[in-house]
Protein backbone atom coordinates (compact mmCIF):
# COMPACT_ATOMS: atom_id res chain seq x y z
CA MET A 1 21.22 30.41 23.49
CA ASN A 2 21.51 31.24 19.80
CA ASP A 3 19.18 31.36 16.79
CA GLU A 4 19.83 27.72 15.87
CA HIS A 5 18.70 26.55 19.31
CA PHE A 6 15.35 28.32 19.06
CA MET A 7 14.92 27.35 15.41
CA GLN A 8 15.33 23.71 16.35
CA LEU A 9 12.41 24.15 18.74
CA ALA A 10 10.39 25.58 15.85
CA LEU A 11 11.30 22.56 13.73
CA ASP A 12 10.13 20.30 16.54
CA GLN A 13 6.78 22.05 16.35
CA ALA A 14 6.76 21.60 12.58
CA GLN A 15 7.16 17.87 13.03
CA LEU A 16 4.18 17.89 15.40
CA ALA A 17 2.15 19.58 12.67
CA GLN A 18 3.10 16.81 10.26
CA VAL A 19 2.02 14.14 12.75
CA HIS A 20 -1.41 15.79 12.81
CA GLY A 21 -1.65 15.93 9.03
CA GLU A 22 -0.93 19.66 8.77
CA VAL A 23 1.66 21.34 6.55
CA PRO A 24 4.82 21.11 8.71
CA VAL A 25 5.41 24.65 9.87
CA GLY A 26 6.32 25.48 13.46
CA ALA A 27 6.95 28.68 15.37
CA VAL A 28 8.51 29.70 18.68
CA LEU A 29 8.27 33.15 20.27
CA VAL A 30 11.06 34.26 22.60
CA HIS A 31 10.96 37.16 25.07
CA GLU A 32 14.21 38.25 26.69
CA GLY A 33 15.80 34.85 26.04
CA ARG A 34 12.81 32.89 27.36
CA VAL A 35 10.39 30.85 25.26
CA VAL A 36 6.89 32.17 25.95
CA ALA A 37 4.96 30.43 23.15
CA GLN A 38 5.31 27.43 20.85
CA ALA A 39 2.84 26.51 18.12
CA HIS A 40 2.41 24.77 14.79
CA ASN A 41 0.12 24.95 11.78
CA ALA A 42 -3.46 23.99 12.61
CA PRO A 43 -5.87 25.26 9.88
CA ILE A 44 -7.24 21.75 9.27
CA ALA A 45 -7.71 20.78 12.90
CA LEU A 46 -9.23 24.13 13.88
CA MET A 47 -11.03 24.68 10.57
CA ASP A 48 -9.49 28.15 10.66
CA PRO A 49 -7.66 29.54 7.59
CA SER A 50 -5.77 31.96 9.81
CA ALA A 51 -4.38 29.27 12.14
CA HIS A 52 -0.85 29.43 10.77
CA ALA A 53 1.98 28.63 13.16
CA GLU A 54 2.99 32.30 13.44
CA ILE A 55 -0.55 33.48 14.26
CA GLN A 56 -0.98 30.72 16.81
CA ALA A 57 2.30 31.66 18.50
CA LEU A 58 1.43 35.38 18.54
CA ARG A 59 -1.93 34.68 20.18
CA LEU A 60 -0.39 32.48 22.85
CA ALA A 61 2.42 34.93 23.60
CA ALA A 62 0.03 37.86 23.91
CA LYS A 63 -1.94 35.98 26.56
CA VAL A 64 1.19 34.92 28.44
CA LEU A 65 2.64 38.44 28.45
CA GLY A 66 -0.69 40.16 28.95
CA ASN A 67 -0.21 42.49 26.02
CA TYR A 68 -0.96 42.30 22.32
CA ARG A 69 2.12 44.44 21.71
CA LEU A 70 5.16 42.15 21.59
CA ASP A 71 7.84 44.83 21.26
CA ASP A 72 10.83 43.01 22.72
CA CYS A 73 10.12 39.58 21.24
CA THR A 74 11.69 37.47 18.51
CA LEU A 75 9.69 35.01 16.44
CA TYR A 76 11.38 31.90 15.03
CA VAL A 77 9.45 30.13 12.28
CA SER A 78 10.45 27.18 10.11
CA LEU A 79 9.09 28.71 6.89
CA GLU A 80 9.19 32.24 5.49
CA PRO A 81 5.97 33.99 6.62
CA CYS A 82 3.13 34.73 4.22
CA ALA A 83 1.52 38.17 3.78
CA MET A 84 -1.13 37.44 6.42
CA CYS A 85 1.46 36.47 9.00
CA VAL A 86 3.77 39.37 8.18
CA GLY A 87 0.81 41.71 8.68
CA ALA A 88 0.12 40.21 12.11
CA ILE A 89 3.81 40.40 13.02
CA LEU A 90 3.92 44.09 12.15
CA HIS A 91 0.71 44.79 14.09
CA ALA A 92 2.24 43.05 17.11
CA ARG A 93 5.30 45.29 16.84
CA LEU A 94 7.72 42.35 16.99
CA LYS A 95 11.34 43.38 17.26
CA ARG A 96 12.72 40.55 15.13
CA VAL A 97 11.70 37.59 12.93
CA VAL A 98 13.95 34.67 11.95
CA TRP A 99 12.86 31.97 9.51
CA ALA A 100 14.46 28.81 8.19
CA ALA A 101 13.35 27.91 4.64
CA ALA A 102 12.31 30.37 1.95
CA GLU A 103 8.79 30.06 0.53
CA PRO A 104 9.01 30.80 -3.21
CA LYS A 105 5.23 30.76 -3.77
CA THR A 106 3.82 32.82 -0.90
CA GLY A 107 6.82 34.19 1.01
CA ALA A 108 6.25 37.83 2.00
CA ALA A 109 9.71 38.45 3.45
CA GLY A 110 11.55 38.62 0.16
CA SER A 111 10.68 35.60 -1.98
CA VAL A 112 7.49 36.96 -3.58
CA ILE A 113 7.23 40.33 -1.87
CA ASP A 114 9.11 41.94 1.01
CA LEU A 115 6.53 43.62 3.24
CA PHE A 116 9.13 44.11 5.95
CA ALA A 117 11.04 46.43 3.61
CA ASN A 118 8.13 48.79 3.05
CA THR A 119 9.24 52.03 4.70
CA GLN A 120 5.72 53.50 4.51
CA LEU A 121 4.62 51.20 7.32
CA ASN A 122 4.75 52.70 10.81
CA HIS A 123 6.75 49.81 12.31
CA GLN A 124 9.90 48.17 11.10
CA THR A 125 10.70 44.59 12.15
CA GLN A 126 14.18 43.18 11.73
CA HIS A 127 14.15 39.98 9.71
CA SER A 128 16.56 37.31 8.46
CA GLY A 129 16.30 33.84 6.97
CA GLY A 130 18.25 30.67 6.27
CA VAL A 131 18.74 29.36 9.82
CA LEU A 132 18.56 25.52 9.62
CA ALA A 133 17.12 25.98 6.13
CA ASN A 134 18.12 22.55 4.85
CA GLN A 135 16.33 20.71 7.67
CA ALA A 136 13.19 22.80 7.20
CA SER A 137 13.21 22.35 3.41
CA GLN A 138 13.65 18.60 3.71
CA LEU A 139 10.72 18.40 6.11
CA MET A 140 8.49 20.22 3.63
CA GLN A 141 9.69 18.15 0.68
CA ASP A 142 9.07 14.87 2.49
CA PHE A 143 5.59 15.99 3.54
CA PHE A 144 4.45 16.93 0.04
CA LYS A 145 6.07 13.85 -1.48
CA ASN A 146 4.01 11.68 0.87
CA GLN A 147 0.89 13.72 0.12
CA ARG A 148 1.36 13.20 -3.62
CA ALA A 149 1.87 9.47 -3.11
CA MET A 150 -1.27 9.18 -1.00
CA HIS A 151 -3.29 11.11 -3.56
CA LYS A 152 -1.92 8.99 -6.37
CA HIS A 153 -2.80 5.72 -4.62
CA HIS A 154 -6.30 6.77 -3.61
CA SER A 155 -7.61 9.00 -6.37
CA PRO A 156 -9.27 7.80 -9.57
CA ALA A 157 -6.96 7.33 -12.53
CA PRO A 158 -8.01 7.82 -16.17
CA LEU A 159 -9.25 4.61 -17.75
CA ARG A 160 -7.40 3.45 -20.84
CA GLU A 161 -9.48 2.98 -23.98
CA ASP A 162 -8.40 -0.65 -24.25
CA ALA A 163 -9.54 -1.52 -20.73
CA LEU A 164 -12.67 -1.73 -18.61
CA ARG A 165 -13.23 -0.90 -14.95
CA THR A 166 -15.95 -2.71 -13.03
CA PRO A 167 -18.47 -0.14 -11.71
CA GLU A 168 -18.19 0.38 -7.97
CA ALA A 169 -21.91 -0.34 -7.68
CA CYS A 170 -21.19 -3.98 -8.48
CA PHE A 171 -19.38 -4.25 -5.14
CA ALA A 172 -22.04 -2.44 -3.10
CA ASP A 173 -23.41 -5.45 -1.21
CA ILE A 174 -20.23 -7.48 -0.74
CA PRO A 175 -20.30 -9.18 2.70
CA ASP A 176 -17.33 -9.33 5.09
CA TYR A 177 -15.13 -7.02 3.03
CA PRO A 178 -14.96 -3.76 5.01
CA TRP A 179 -11.50 -2.55 4.00
CA PRO A 180 -11.00 0.68 2.02
CA PRO A 181 -9.55 0.49 -1.48
CA HIS A 182 -6.04 1.51 -2.45
CA TYR A 183 -4.91 2.06 -6.03
CA ILE A 184 -1.67 2.37 -7.96
CA ASN A 185 -1.26 3.09 -11.66
CA ASP A 186 2.28 4.42 -12.12
CA LEU A 187 4.26 1.18 -12.31
CA PRO A 188 6.31 1.04 -15.53
CA SER A 189 4.68 -2.20 -16.69
CA LEU A 190 1.13 -0.93 -16.16
CA GLY A 191 1.14 1.71 -18.88
CA GLY A 192 -1.51 3.63 -16.95
CA LEU A 193 -3.68 0.66 -15.98
CA ARG A 194 -4.87 0.77 -12.38
CA ILE A 195 -4.35 -1.93 -9.76
CA HIS A 196 -6.53 -2.21 -6.68
CA TYR A 197 -5.11 -3.54 -3.44
CA LEU A 198 -5.86 -3.80 0.26
CA ASP A 199 -3.27 -2.48 2.69
CA GLU A 200 -4.17 -2.94 6.35
CA GLY A 201 -2.19 -2.89 9.57
CA PRO A 202 0.88 -0.90 10.63
CA LYS A 203 3.40 -0.12 7.92
CA ASP A 204 6.27 -0.99 10.23
CA ALA A 205 4.78 -4.30 11.39
CA GLU A 206 7.06 -7.20 12.22
CA VAL A 207 5.40 -9.25 9.48
CA THR A 208 3.77 -8.25 6.17
CA TRP A 209 1.46 -10.89 4.70
CA LEU A 210 1.40 -10.54 0.92
CA CYS A 211 -1.73 -12.39 -0.21
CA LEU A 212 -1.85 -13.36 -3.89
CA HIS A 213 -5.03 -14.78 -5.39
CA GLY A 214 -5.53 -16.90 -8.47
CA ASN A 215 -8.04 -17.37 -11.28
CA PRO A 216 -10.98 -16.58 -11.17
CA ALA A 217 -10.71 -15.08 -7.69
CA TRP A 218 -9.77 -11.68 -6.27
CA SER A 219 -8.68 -10.29 -2.90
CA TYR A 220 -12.11 -11.17 -1.48
CA LEU A 221 -10.75 -14.72 -1.28
CA TYR A 222 -8.64 -13.67 1.74
CA ARG A 223 -11.45 -12.08 3.77
CA LYS A 224 -11.35 -14.88 6.39
CA MET A 225 -7.57 -14.77 6.82
CA ILE A 226 -7.00 -11.01 6.91
CA PRO A 227 -8.68 -10.41 10.31
CA VAL A 228 -6.56 -13.13 11.93
CA PHE A 229 -3.33 -11.56 10.67
CA LEU A 230 -4.46 -8.07 11.69
CA GLN A 231 -5.40 -9.27 15.16
CA ALA A 232 -1.79 -10.38 15.54
CA GLY A 233 -0.62 -6.82 14.84
CA HIS A 234 0.69 -7.63 11.38
CA ARG A 235 0.31 -5.86 8.04
CA VAL A 236 -1.68 -7.38 5.18
CA VAL A 237 -1.33 -6.40 1.52
CA ALA A 238 -3.66 -8.10 -0.96
CA PRO A 239 -3.64 -6.92 -4.59
CA ASP A 240 -6.16 -7.75 -7.28
CA MET A 241 -4.26 -8.89 -10.35
CA LEU A 242 -5.03 -7.03 -13.55
CA GLY A 243 -8.21 -8.44 -15.03
CA PHE A 244 -9.62 -9.38 -11.62
CA GLY A 245 -11.48 -7.81 -8.72
CA LYS A 246 -11.43 -4.02 -8.63
CA SER A 247 -8.35 -3.73 -10.85
CA ASP A 248 -8.61 -2.59 -14.47
CA LYS A 249 -9.49 -5.25 -17.01
CA PRO A 250 -7.79 -5.16 -20.42
CA LYS A 251 -10.31 -5.90 -23.15
CA LYS A 252 -8.04 -8.19 -25.19
CA ASP A 253 -7.20 -11.71 -24.06
CA SER A 254 -3.80 -11.34 -25.73
CA THR A 255 -2.79 -8.56 -23.31
CA HIS A 256 -2.25 -11.15 -20.61
CA SER A 257 0.99 -13.09 -20.34
CA PHE A 258 2.97 -14.85 -17.63
CA THR A 259 5.91 -12.48 -17.96
CA TRP A 260 3.76 -9.36 -17.84
CA HIS A 261 1.83 -10.34 -14.73
CA ARG A 262 5.04 -11.40 -12.99
CA GLN A 263 6.69 -8.08 -13.80
CA VAL A 264 3.68 -6.17 -12.46
CA LEU A 265 3.94 -8.04 -9.16
CA LEU A 266 7.68 -7.43 -8.90
CA GLU A 267 7.19 -3.71 -9.46
CA PHE A 268 4.22 -3.62 -7.07
CA VAL A 269 6.30 -5.06 -4.22
CA GLU A 270 9.12 -2.64 -5.02
CA ALA A 271 6.83 0.40 -5.23
CA LEU A 272 5.27 -0.30 -1.84
CA ASP A 273 8.75 -1.16 -0.50
CA LEU A 274 7.34 -4.21 1.28
CA GLN A 275 9.66 -5.74 3.87
CA ASN A 276 9.53 -8.82 6.11
CA ILE A 277 7.17 -10.45 3.64
CA HIS A 278 5.38 -13.69 4.42
CA MET A 279 3.94 -14.58 1.04
CA VAL A 280 0.52 -16.26 0.95
CA VAL A 281 -0.21 -18.01 -2.35
CA GLN A 282 -2.72 -20.31 -4.01
CA ASP A 283 -3.53 -21.23 -7.62
CA TRP A 284 -2.06 -18.56 -9.97
CA GLY A 285 -1.02 -16.65 -6.87
CA GLY A 286 1.57 -19.39 -6.46
CA ILE A 287 2.30 -20.06 -10.12
CA LEU A 288 3.36 -16.43 -10.39
CA GLY A 289 4.16 -15.64 -6.77
CA LEU A 290 6.61 -18.48 -6.22
CA THR A 291 8.84 -16.92 -8.89
CA LEU A 292 9.13 -13.58 -7.04
CA PRO A 293 11.38 -14.09 -3.96
CA MET A 294 14.48 -15.11 -5.91
CA SER A 295 14.42 -11.65 -7.53
CA ALA A 296 14.28 -9.74 -4.21
CA ARG A 297 15.54 -12.18 -1.58
CA GLN A 298 16.06 -9.59 1.14
CA ARG A 299 12.34 -8.79 1.24
CA TYR A 300 10.97 -12.29 1.93
CA ARG A 301 11.01 -14.15 5.24
CA GLY A 302 8.20 -16.69 5.03
CA LEU A 303 5.84 -18.68 2.83
CA LEU A 304 2.28 -19.88 3.35
CA VAL A 305 1.51 -22.04 0.32
CA MET A 306 -1.84 -23.61 -0.60
CA ASN A 307 -3.07 -25.67 -3.58
CA THR A 308 -0.75 -24.41 -6.27
CA THR A 309 2.32 -25.51 -8.22
CA LEU A 310 5.47 -24.40 -9.97
CA ALA A 311 4.67 -24.50 -13.69
CA THR A 312 8.04 -25.80 -14.88
CA ALA A 313 6.61 -27.76 -17.85
CA GLU A 314 8.80 -30.72 -16.86
CA LYS A 315 5.74 -32.97 -16.73
CA PRO A 316 2.66 -33.08 -18.95
CA LEU A 317 -0.29 -31.05 -17.74
CA SER A 318 -2.62 -33.26 -15.71
CA PRO A 319 -5.91 -34.59 -17.15
CA GLY A 320 -7.74 -32.63 -14.45
CA PHE A 321 -6.19 -29.35 -15.52
CA LEU A 322 -6.73 -30.07 -19.21
CA ALA A 323 -10.41 -30.69 -18.46
CA TRP A 324 -10.59 -27.36 -16.60
CA ARG A 325 -8.90 -25.56 -19.48
CA GLN A 326 -11.32 -27.10 -21.96
CA MET A 327 -14.32 -26.16 -19.83
CA CYS A 328 -13.16 -22.53 -19.74
CA ALA A 329 -12.85 -22.56 -23.52
CA ASP A 330 -16.23 -24.22 -24.08
CA LYS A 331 -18.13 -22.20 -21.48
CA PRO A 332 -16.42 -18.80 -21.25
CA SER A 333 -19.41 -17.33 -19.40
CA PHE A 334 -19.39 -19.94 -16.61
CA ASP A 335 -20.85 -18.87 -13.27
CA VAL A 336 -17.87 -17.99 -11.06
CA GLY A 337 -19.89 -17.94 -7.86
CA ARG A 338 -21.34 -21.37 -8.60
CA LEU A 339 -17.81 -22.69 -9.15
CA PHE A 340 -16.79 -21.51 -5.67
CA GLY A 341 -19.97 -22.81 -4.09
CA ARG A 342 -19.58 -26.28 -5.59
CA GLY A 343 -16.57 -27.01 -3.38
CA ASN A 344 -17.77 -24.87 -0.48
CA PRO A 345 -21.42 -25.64 0.28
CA GLN A 346 -21.17 -23.59 3.48
CA MET A 347 -20.92 -20.36 1.44
CA SER A 348 -23.92 -18.03 1.44
CA GLN A 349 -25.57 -16.80 -1.74
CA ALA A 350 -24.15 -13.33 -1.06
CA GLU A 351 -20.62 -14.73 -0.81
CA ARG A 352 -21.04 -16.56 -4.10
CA ALA A 353 -22.34 -13.39 -5.71
CA ALA A 354 -19.22 -11.56 -4.49
CA TYR A 355 -17.08 -13.73 -6.74
CA ASN A 356 -19.27 -12.83 -9.73
CA ALA A 357 -19.20 -9.11 -8.90
CA PRO A 358 -16.03 -8.16 -10.82
CA PHE A 359 -17.35 -9.67 -14.07
CA PRO A 360 -20.69 -8.04 -14.98
CA ASP A 361 -20.41 -9.04 -18.65
CA ALA A 362 -18.24 -10.89 -21.16
CA GLY A 363 -16.11 -7.82 -21.82
CA HIS A 364 -14.81 -7.90 -18.26
CA ARG A 365 -13.80 -11.58 -18.48
CA ALA A 366 -10.71 -11.47 -20.73
CA ALA A 367 -8.44 -12.63 -17.89
CA LEU A 368 -10.73 -15.57 -17.14
CA ARG A 369 -10.37 -16.67 -20.74
CA ALA A 370 -6.64 -15.93 -20.95
CA PHE A 371 -5.28 -17.51 -17.78
CA PRO A 372 -5.98 -21.23 -18.36
CA PRO A 373 -3.98 -21.30 -21.66
CA MET A 374 -1.20 -19.26 -19.97
CA VAL A 375 -0.08 -22.16 -17.77
CA PRO A 376 3.31 -23.15 -19.25
CA GLU A 377 2.89 -26.44 -21.11
CA PHE A 378 6.19 -26.81 -22.94
CA ALA A 379 9.82 -26.20 -22.02
CA ASN A 380 9.90 -23.00 -24.07
CA SER A 381 6.48 -21.71 -22.96
CA ASP A 382 6.38 -18.24 -21.46
CA GLY A 383 7.11 -18.61 -17.76
CA ALA A 384 8.52 -22.15 -17.86
CA GLU A 385 12.18 -21.20 -17.59
CA VAL A 386 11.68 -18.72 -14.74
CA SER A 387 9.58 -21.36 -12.96
CA ARG A 388 12.44 -23.86 -13.24
CA GLN A 389 14.82 -21.25 -11.84
CA ALA A 390 12.37 -20.67 -8.99
CA GLN A 391 12.18 -24.39 -8.29
CA ASP A 392 15.94 -24.50 -7.91
CA PHE A 393 15.81 -21.46 -5.63
CA TRP A 394 13.18 -22.97 -3.33
CA GLN A 395 14.97 -26.29 -3.14
CA HIS A 396 18.51 -25.06 -2.55
CA GLU A 397 18.60 -21.38 -1.61
CA TRP A 398 15.43 -20.51 0.29
CA GLN A 399 16.39 -19.23 3.76
CA GLY A 400 12.96 -18.47 5.15
CA LYS A 401 10.35 -20.59 6.93
CA SER A 402 7.43 -22.30 5.24
CA PHE A 403 3.95 -23.56 6.04
CA MET A 404 1.76 -25.60 3.70
CA ALA A 405 -2.02 -26.13 3.79
CA ILE A 406 -3.84 -28.43 1.37
CA GLY A 407 -7.49 -28.67 0.43
CA ALA A 408 -7.76 -32.43 -0.02
CA GLN A 409 -10.83 -32.29 -2.28
CA ASP A 410 -9.01 -30.37 -5.02
CA PRO A 411 -9.10 -32.58 -8.16
CA VAL A 412 -6.26 -30.70 -9.90
CA LEU A 413 -3.85 -29.29 -7.30
CA GLY A 414 -4.62 -31.61 -4.41
CA VAL A 415 -2.55 -33.64 -1.97
CA GLU A 416 -0.38 -35.46 -4.52
CA VAL A 417 0.63 -32.30 -6.37
CA MET A 418 1.22 -30.38 -3.17
CA GLN A 419 3.34 -33.12 -1.60
CA ALA A 420 5.50 -33.06 -4.72
CA LEU A 421 5.83 -29.29 -4.40
CA ARG A 422 6.75 -29.68 -0.73
CA GLU A 423 9.77 -31.79 -1.71
CA HIS A 424 11.08 -28.77 -3.64
CA ILE A 425 10.70 -26.29 -0.75
CA ARG A 426 13.70 -26.35 1.54
CA HIS A 427 12.84 -27.29 5.14
CA CYS A 428 9.10 -27.23 4.49
CA PRO A 429 7.39 -29.13 7.36
CA GLU A 430 4.50 -31.58 7.07
CA ALA A 431 1.44 -30.01 5.51
CA LEU A 432 -1.83 -29.18 7.21
CA VAL A 433 -4.37 -31.20 5.24
CA LEU A 434 -8.00 -30.08 5.36
CA PRO A 435 -10.06 -33.15 4.38
CA GLU A 436 -13.24 -31.21 3.51
CA ALA A 437 -11.64 -28.28 1.72
CA GLY A 438 -11.36 -28.03 -2.04
CA HIS A 439 -9.26 -25.97 -4.40
CA PHE A 440 -10.28 -22.61 -2.94
CA VAL A 441 -8.97 -23.55 0.46
CA GLN A 442 -9.04 -19.95 1.69
CA GLU A 443 -12.77 -20.44 2.30
CA HIS A 444 -11.46 -22.27 5.38
CA GLY A 445 -8.98 -19.44 5.86
CA GLU A 446 -9.48 -18.65 9.54
CA GLN A 447 -8.28 -22.11 10.54
CA ILE A 448 -5.31 -21.92 8.19
CA ALA A 449 -4.30 -18.42 9.31
CA GLN A 450 -4.44 -19.40 12.97
CA ALA A 451 -2.33 -22.48 12.31
CA ALA A 452 0.20 -20.41 10.36
CA LEU A 453 0.43 -17.87 13.19
CA ALA A 454 0.89 -20.64 15.74
CA ALA A 455 3.73 -22.01 13.63
CA LEU A 456 5.23 -18.53 13.43
CA ARG A 457 5.13 -18.10 17.19
CA ALA A 458 6.72 -21.52 17.58
CA HIS A 459 9.50 -20.37 15.22
CA THR A 460 8.50 -22.96 12.65
CA LEU A 461 7.27 -20.45 10.07
């Protein structure tokens, strides 16, 4: 057996370290051609700063051989040893050390300092590096790349001067919303603004449900559907659009546009590399969301569509929508929770308050003011052309499965509007109509999610 064979065993140990959240360094100690100890980094798990892979392997080997002197042994380690480990190696009187990747920051075998070359020491250990170096280096690079990404998505980002961020205290008493926050702020279109999103379930799940809310909601709207999807073993991703929920809120109404919000969503899906997407949309979640799949067709497999439309501007805006738009203009400080409760009398006071939580004052409500006028009204309105392209895509090119649910009490995007939309969605089956549900049909979300899953299992979604 040669050096590469034993180094591969050390790399296997390094991968075990990575699985346990440790820096991926592994070590194997060989005595007379026989492996007597294998170990990996464990400072975090053991809460021991000295628990490097080399130290762990030396300790195990000493016990196996019954001697702290390891004269006739060779140590294989996936990363150049540090000064601490070189000191232990010399004290153990190892005959030989072989490492894979150089460590330019702390390496004590030649990269920063070469302690092995110090002739004043009373023991000289043979040493060499570069065995399977590329594999070891790639393992380290991948680990730290993932660590940086995790830190980026979870750590606070600086708040832009032209934006507000709802204090976390406003969300302190939110019921039925136990999921930890995730954040991203490095999308090109964000310019440093921070988006909040939920990301639950296995990353390699068979299905990823991408849940897009509308105005004036946030990801809280999907709290009754998320557990059903998770119970099925699926992944759920639910972002808060900019201006809503826990995402940053630009101060100026004019910051918001159809094209901008669409681009943010496209980049969001790309950044998270979402696959096998079953898109869940309602209200603006559909107005924007229904334009996404044609731009990344390979990512999308299914659609769950509720009380929304494609804003093609081919027909005049309905009297019901115009009345809503006027109300938002006349009463910009309207009670969001009361709006939700009006169509959902079963909601508790705490649930209604949860919808008010993101908007503690008028400064946080720019999106609520901006979105109603953003609905494309004319053929050349922002978003109208891409919506017409999307309509053609859904009618003629959509290859996935679809499921539609309708809140029948919706005065703006109710049964008539949804049945018209259904005619433009290729192979969309008969809709599930909820007679008592209104516009915010997700407040009956458990029933809808279960029906969608049943359709999926029956190969109809």
